Amino acid sequence: MREVFPGNSDRTEADVEQLYVYPDVPKWLAVNFVSSADGGITIEGRSGGLSTPADRIVYRLGNDLADVVLVGAGTAQAEGFEGLRPDEKTAERRRRHGLAPIAPIAVVSTGRSLPPDAPVLTKALVPTIVITSAATDPELRAAWASAGADVLVAGTGDPTLHEATGDPALQADPDDQRPRPRHGDVDLRAAVDELARRGLRRIDCEGGPHLFASLLAAGVVDELRLTVAPMLIAGDAPRVAMGAAIDPRQLELLSALVDDNSVLLRYRVH
């Protein structure tokens, strides 16, 4: 890979790893996406068709160097998440950085899209954390726990929690047609704080776009890691953030790499 910002030089795999190490701070949440040049993030409902060799390197670094991988329930189901299975290279990298052998998956769900037999619950090597609210059906929460999940309740489900995530039902304009955020009744700020309290301070979020928008609305995103793949897909594919309304957030470019027509960007979110 070649770095084109802030420097201008070829980078080894070790150099790239250092770029993607999480800062040594109380908590850091980085969001990872791959996008086509025209802004779409899926082909036939999945992101894999957009991924390039360079993207796969940084995607792997995101979860190899994280304490926990955060994902929306819909994305976990669509992408067939089964938890992480470190190979020898990942195991060595995690040992070198003082990380637990396997990072757990943390799935955000209000209950509608995460059945108790979901592979992310039943096939994970370490217990999956399910982040939900107290409004979720207690029987469903119990079923998740019976399937081996660690259920983290963050938020009461009170409708006022939707205000922070831009729920159109609470907007002044009755003609506002913005889609409802999927995670509006989960207190994402409290959830991220609880993950950090448990020692899971390096958080790698792998989507989807509604969760990303809600995390932005909650003010808990520190970094966006975006690969721009060298292709155009048109159609009606979603983009990286959709759903919750936010005031525009400013980005500060931290690094830019290029490799075989792919562009790999890291932004600080302000």
Protein backbone atom coordinates (compact mmCIF):
# COMPACT_ATOMS: atom_id res chain seq x y z
CA MET A 1 0.00 0.00 0.00
CA ARG A 2 1.04 3.58 -0.49
CA GLU A 3 0.34 6.34 1.99
CA VAL A 4 -0.71 9.59 0.31
CA PHE A 5 -1.67 11.46 3.49
CA PRO A 6 -0.24 12.63 5.82
CA GLY A 7 2.97 11.29 4.24
CA ASN A 8 3.77 10.02 0.78
CA SER A 9 5.56 6.67 0.87
CA ASP A 10 5.09 2.95 0.51
CA ARG A 11 3.86 1.24 3.67
CA THR A 12 4.57 -2.27 4.90
CA GLU A 13 1.92 -4.43 6.54
CA ALA A 14 3.46 -3.58 9.92
CA ASP A 15 3.19 0.13 9.13
CA VAL A 16 -0.47 -0.24 8.24
CA GLU A 17 -1.12 -2.15 11.46
CA GLN A 18 0.31 0.75 13.46
CA LEU A 19 -1.97 3.20 11.64
CA TYR A 20 -5.01 1.14 12.67
CA VAL A 21 -4.08 0.61 16.34
CA TYR A 22 -6.75 2.07 18.63
CA PRO A 23 -5.63 5.07 20.72
CA ASP A 24 -4.79 4.46 24.38
CA VAL A 25 -7.81 6.32 25.76
CA PRO A 26 -10.69 5.30 28.08
CA LYS A 27 -12.86 4.37 25.08
CA TRP A 28 -12.69 4.64 21.31
CA LEU A 29 -15.37 3.67 18.81
CA ALA A 30 -14.34 3.25 15.18
CA VAL A 31 -16.88 2.51 12.45
CA ASN A 32 -15.79 0.48 9.41
CA PHE A 33 -17.45 0.52 5.99
CA VAL A 34 -16.61 -0.26 2.39
CA SER A 35 -18.43 1.79 -0.23
CA SER A 36 -18.57 1.98 -4.00
CA ALA A 37 -17.36 5.21 -5.59
CA ASP A 38 -21.02 6.25 -6.00
CA GLY A 39 -21.80 5.68 -2.33
CA GLY A 40 -23.50 2.27 -2.19
CA ILE A 41 -22.49 -0.17 0.54
CA THR A 42 -24.07 -3.43 -0.65
CA ILE A 43 -24.44 -5.54 -3.77
CA GLU A 44 -27.52 -7.76 -3.60
CA GLY A 45 -27.88 -6.94 0.09
CA ARG A 46 -24.34 -7.78 1.21
CA SER A 47 -21.07 -5.87 1.45
CA GLY A 48 -18.76 -8.69 0.38
CA GLY A 49 -19.06 -7.93 -3.32
CA LEU A 50 -17.51 -4.50 -2.74
CA SER A 51 -14.56 -5.64 -0.66
CA THR A 52 -11.10 -5.52 -2.23
CA PRO A 53 -7.83 -7.14 -1.05
CA ALA A 54 -6.77 -3.88 0.58
CA ASP A 55 -10.15 -3.49 2.28
CA ARG A 56 -9.92 -7.01 3.66
CA ILE A 57 -6.57 -6.13 5.27
CA VAL A 58 -7.92 -3.10 7.14
CA TYR A 59 -11.25 -4.77 7.91
CA ARG A 60 -9.32 -7.57 9.59
CA LEU A 61 -7.18 -5.07 11.50
CA GLY A 62 -10.36 -3.44 12.80
CA ASN A 63 -11.52 -6.54 14.64
CA ASP A 64 -8.05 -8.03 15.28
CA LEU A 65 -7.12 -4.95 17.32
CA ALA A 66 -10.50 -4.44 19.04
CA ASP A 67 -11.82 -5.55 22.41
CA VAL A 68 -15.34 -5.97 21.01
CA VAL A 69 -17.06 -5.89 17.60
CA LEU A 70 -20.33 -3.92 17.59
CA VAL A 71 -22.98 -4.64 14.95
CA GLY A 72 -26.67 -4.12 14.34
CA ALA A 73 -28.88 -7.21 14.46
CA GLY A 74 -30.06 -6.78 10.88
CA THR A 75 -26.49 -6.64 9.61
CA ALA A 76 -25.48 -9.63 11.72
CA GLN A 77 -28.29 -11.64 10.15
CA ALA A 78 -27.77 -10.41 6.58
CA GLU A 79 -24.02 -10.98 6.67
CA GLY A 80 -24.28 -14.32 8.46
CA PHE A 81 -22.20 -13.34 11.48
CA GLU A 82 -21.14 -16.35 13.58
CA GLY A 83 -18.60 -14.65 15.83
CA LEU A 84 -14.86 -14.39 15.30
CA ARG A 85 -12.56 -17.36 14.76
CA PRO A 86 -8.97 -16.16 15.02
CA ASP A 87 -6.36 -17.85 12.90
CA GLU A 88 -2.71 -18.07 13.94
CA LYS A 89 -1.90 -14.62 12.54
CA THR A 90 -4.75 -12.96 14.41
CA ALA A 91 -3.94 -14.85 17.62
CA GLU A 92 -0.32 -13.68 17.46
CA ARG A 93 -1.37 -10.10 16.76
CA ARG A 94 -3.81 -10.07 19.66
CA ARG A 95 -1.18 -11.54 22.02
CA ARG A 96 1.29 -8.89 20.92
CA HIS A 97 -1.19 -6.11 21.73
CA GLY A 98 -2.27 -7.62 25.07
CA LEU A 99 -5.79 -8.44 23.92
CA ALA A 100 -8.06 -11.32 24.88
CA PRO A 101 -7.77 -14.31 22.51
CA ILE A 102 -11.21 -13.68 20.96
CA ALA A 103 -13.16 -10.43 20.76
CA PRO A 104 -16.86 -10.92 21.49
CA ILE A 105 -19.59 -9.64 19.17
CA ALA A 106 -22.00 -7.08 20.64
CA VAL A 107 -25.31 -7.00 18.76
CA VAL A 108 -27.74 -4.09 19.08
CA SER A 109 -31.35 -5.23 18.87
CA THR A 110 -34.78 -4.05 19.88
CA GLY A 111 -35.91 -7.67 19.46
CA ARG A 112 -37.53 -7.56 16.06
CA SER A 113 -34.62 -8.89 14.01
CA LEU A 114 -32.64 -11.18 16.31
CA PRO A 115 -34.20 -14.61 16.84
CA PRO A 116 -32.78 -16.72 19.68
CA ASP A 117 -31.40 -19.23 17.16
CA ALA A 118 -29.44 -16.60 15.22
CA PRO A 119 -25.96 -17.91 14.31
CA VAL A 120 -24.31 -14.92 15.96
CA LEU A 121 -25.70 -16.25 19.26
CA THR A 122 -25.51 -20.00 18.79
CA LYS A 123 -22.23 -20.41 16.88
CA ALA A 124 -19.99 -17.83 18.56
CA LEU A 125 -16.94 -19.19 20.40
CA VAL A 126 -17.36 -16.66 23.22
CA PRO A 127 -20.71 -15.34 24.50
CA THR A 128 -22.24 -12.69 22.28
CA ILE A 129 -23.39 -9.52 24.05
CA VAL A 130 -26.93 -8.49 23.09
CA ILE A 131 -27.54 -4.78 23.70
CA THR A 132 -31.21 -4.01 24.07
CA SER A 133 -33.61 -1.95 26.15
CA ALA A 134 -35.93 -2.73 29.04
CA ALA A 135 -38.83 -2.40 26.60
CA THR A 136 -37.81 -5.64 24.85
CA ASP A 137 -40.02 -8.63 25.59
CA PRO A 138 -38.64 -10.26 28.80
CA GLU A 139 -39.29 -13.72 27.34
CA LEU A 140 -37.16 -12.88 24.32
CA ARG A 141 -34.38 -11.55 26.56
CA ALA A 142 -34.54 -14.79 28.51
CA ALA A 143 -34.38 -16.79 25.27
CA TRP A 144 -31.26 -14.88 24.19
CA ALA A 145 -29.67 -15.68 27.54
CA SER A 146 -30.64 -19.33 27.22
CA ALA A 147 -28.93 -19.36 23.82
CA GLY A 148 -25.72 -18.29 25.55
CA ALA A 149 -25.88 -14.50 25.14
CA ASP A 150 -24.87 -11.92 27.70
CA VAL A 151 -27.86 -9.55 27.65
CA LEU A 152 -26.97 -5.91 28.35
CA VAL A 153 -30.01 -3.72 29.02
CA ALA A 154 -29.34 -0.08 28.17
CA GLY A 155 -32.36 2.19 28.07
CA THR A 156 -35.86 2.01 29.45
CA GLY A 157 -37.63 2.11 26.11
CA ASP A 158 -39.28 5.40 27.10
CA PRO A 159 -40.32 7.30 23.91
CA THR A 160 -38.33 10.36 25.00
CA LEU A 161 -35.17 8.40 24.22
CA HIS A 162 -36.13 8.64 20.55
CA GLU A 163 -35.62 12.41 20.62
CA ALA A 164 -31.84 12.00 20.74
CA THR A 165 -31.85 9.83 17.64
CA GLY A 166 -34.14 11.96 15.51
CA ASP A 167 -37.22 9.73 15.48
CA PRO A 168 -39.50 11.32 12.88
CA ALA A 169 -42.54 10.48 15.02
CA LEU A 170 -41.36 13.20 17.41
CA GLN A 171 -40.41 15.82 14.82
CA ALA A 172 -42.42 19.02 14.61
CA ASP A 173 -43.10 18.59 10.90
CA PRO A 174 -45.80 15.92 10.39
CA ASP A 175 -44.77 15.59 6.72
CA ASP A 176 -41.21 14.57 7.63
CA GLN A 177 -40.75 11.20 5.91
CA ARG A 178 -37.34 10.25 7.29
CA PRO A 179 -37.20 6.55 8.26
CA ARG A 180 -37.42 5.57 11.88
CA PRO A 181 -34.08 4.60 13.45
CA ARG A 182 -33.94 0.91 14.31
CA HIS A 183 -32.16 1.43 17.60
CA GLY A 184 -33.97 4.49 18.98
CA ASP A 185 -35.11 2.87 22.21
CA VAL A 186 -31.63 1.58 23.11
CA ASP A 187 -29.49 4.06 25.05
CA LEU A 188 -26.37 3.73 22.94
CA ARG A 189 -24.32 6.15 25.02
CA ALA A 190 -25.03 4.10 28.14
CA ALA A 191 -24.27 0.89 26.23
CA VAL A 192 -20.88 2.16 25.04
CA ASP A 193 -20.07 3.36 28.57
CA GLU A 194 -20.94 -0.09 29.94
CA LEU A 195 -18.77 -1.84 27.38
CA ALA A 196 -15.86 0.39 28.39
CA ARG A 197 -16.58 -0.25 32.09
CA ARG A 198 -16.22 -3.97 31.34
CA GLY A 199 -12.80 -3.32 29.82
CA LEU A 200 -14.07 -3.43 26.23
CA ARG A 201 -12.85 0.06 25.41
CA ARG A 202 -11.62 -0.50 21.84
CA ILE A 203 -14.85 -0.85 19.88
CA ASP A 204 -14.96 -1.85 16.22
CA CYS A 205 -18.40 -1.13 14.72
CA GLU A 206 -19.16 -2.97 11.48
CA GLY A 207 -22.57 -1.43 10.72
CA GLY A 208 -25.13 -1.35 9.52
CA PRO A 209 -26.06 2.14 8.37
CA HIS A 210 -28.98 2.63 10.77
CA LEU A 211 -26.83 1.73 13.75
CA PHE A 212 -24.10 4.09 12.51
CA ALA A 213 -26.58 6.95 12.24
CA SER A 214 -27.92 6.28 15.73
CA LEU A 215 -24.38 6.13 17.15
CA LEU A 216 -23.65 9.48 15.50
CA ALA A 217 -26.83 10.92 17.00
CA ALA A 218 -25.75 9.63 20.42
CA GLY A 219 -22.37 11.34 20.00
CA VAL A 220 -20.25 8.25 20.60
CA VAL A 221 -18.42 7.78 17.27
CA ASP A 222 -14.74 8.73 17.35
CA GLU A 223 -13.50 7.52 13.97
CA LEU A 224 -14.77 6.52 10.53
CA ARG A 225 -12.70 4.01 8.57
CA LEU A 226 -13.94 4.03 4.99
CA THR A 227 -12.70 2.06 2.01
CA VAL A 228 -13.79 3.45 -1.36
CA ALA A 229 -13.86 0.52 -3.77
CA PRO A 230 -13.12 1.20 -7.44
CA MET A 231 -16.55 0.42 -8.81
CA LEU A 232 -19.94 1.98 -9.55
CA ILE A 233 -23.11 0.11 -8.68
CA ALA A 234 -26.01 2.60 -9.10
CA GLY A 235 -29.34 1.08 -8.02
CA ASP A 236 -30.82 1.77 -4.61
CA ALA A 237 -28.14 0.37 -2.30
CA PRO A 238 -27.98 2.00 1.15
CA ARG A 239 -25.20 4.40 2.09
CA VAL A 240 -22.99 4.31 5.19
CA ALA A 241 -25.36 6.23 7.50
CA MET A 242 -29.16 6.22 7.21
CA GLY A 243 -32.11 6.81 9.51
CA ALA A 244 -31.50 9.04 12.52
CA ALA A 245 -31.34 12.76 11.72
CA ILE A 246 -28.24 14.59 12.96
CA ASP A 247 -26.63 17.97 12.58
CA PRO A 248 -23.79 17.66 10.05
CA ARG A 249 -20.64 16.30 11.70
CA GLN A 250 -17.22 17.55 10.68
CA LEU A 251 -14.51 15.05 9.70
CA GLU A 252 -10.75 15.42 10.03
CA LEU A 253 -8.68 13.26 7.69
CA LEU A 254 -6.19 11.17 9.67
CA SER A 255 -4.71 9.03 6.92
CA ALA A 256 -5.22 8.01 3.31
CA LEU A 257 -3.79 4.90 1.66
CA VAL A 258 -4.15 3.69 -1.91
CA ASP A 259 -3.75 0.18 -3.22
CA ASP A 260 -4.68 -1.10 -6.69
CA ASN A 261 -7.31 1.67 -7.19
CA SER A 262 -8.85 1.26 -3.70
CA VAL A 263 -8.70 4.26 -1.37
CA LEU A 264 -8.58 3.63 2.38
CA LEU A 265 -9.53 6.63 4.51
CA ARG A 266 -9.48 7.24 8.25
CA TYR A 267 -11.39 10.22 9.62
CA ARG A 268 -11.67 11.65 13.12
CA VAL A 269 -15.34 12.43 13.79
CA HIS A 270 -15.89 15.79 15.53
